[in-house]
Amino acid sequence: MRYASVSRKIFVSFNYTFLILISLLCLLPLLQVLAISFSSSPAASAGLVKLLPVDFSLDSYQYILQKKEFISSFVITMQRVAIGYVLNMVLALLCAYPLSKEVKDFRMRTYYAWFFVFTILFSGGLIPTYIAVSETGLLDSLWALIIPGAVGVFNVILLLNFFRGLPKEIEESAFMDGAGHWVVLAKMHVPMSMPVLATISLFTLVGHWNAWFDGLIYMNFPDKYPLSTYLQLMVINSNPMKMDINNLSGALEISERTTRAAQIFLGALPILIVYPFLQKYFVKGIVLGSVKG
């Protein structure tokens, strides 16, 4: 027993050390980006900034908040996240609830479930998807960023497996009292499914916020780009100052590195704020939504 106790302590210590090192590897680059964004142009250009700002300055943030491209892309992304989140969650609930029923209650349940799983393994491809979006008149509209991915099949599978694990007696008692499927879903399944709903919410919010490729292929005008697409083009651009030639006086006071760092940090800030509130449900929602078939 004493040997087992010592081995356990060594194992736990090793795990903590390993996880702390992994956390630092994830955290340090973000801290450096934040430090560069708050540093002066000469210090950032000279490579003097490590983990703390050098010659603290807010010039980059003042310059960015005056850029109409950044503001418009930020607004578009906020609209996408708000509308896309509601649509994704509603469709996930409406798909998962009937698929969670037994075959005797929903005879086509197995066929529909395999139909959804098939879409995870095989897709139509980029060109057919683009043609479908184009022919339906969605190009250069906000709906082109939302509708093609409106049904998240992975989220549906997590949710239906969670529903199948809920006590059947509660649902049966509700039906005996005269409740219908809409009442059972809204007043019983949803309140009891907060862990998995929080997990799906995190997936959905991060997915919409970080998506950049669909904006690149479905939008023909830069003023319609979502934030992630704008940031991606800004990062690979050799000189992002060319994107705003109307503010040369502001551009001369800041550097390319500080501008990029400030925009990247502002783009990641909303997710950094939301994640701590949903993280406590993350592991529980994943486990409970995946252990029952």
Foldseek 3Di string as FASTA:
>chain_A
DVVVVVVVVVVVVVVVVVVVVVVCVVVQVLQQLVQLLQEFAVCVVVVVGGRHHHHGDNLLVVVQVPDLLQVLQAVLLVVLLVVQLVLLLVVLLVLLLVLLDDCVVPVCSVVVLVVLVVCVVDPPDDVVLLVVCVVVPNFQHSVLLRPVCSYDSVLSLLLNLLVNPDDVVVVVVCVVVPDDPVCCSPPPSVVVQVLLSLQVSLVSNVCSLQDAVSQVSRYPDSSSGHLNVVLVCLVPDPANCVVCPPPVVSDVRHDSSNNSSVSVCVSCVVSVVPCVVSVVSNVVSNVSSPPGD
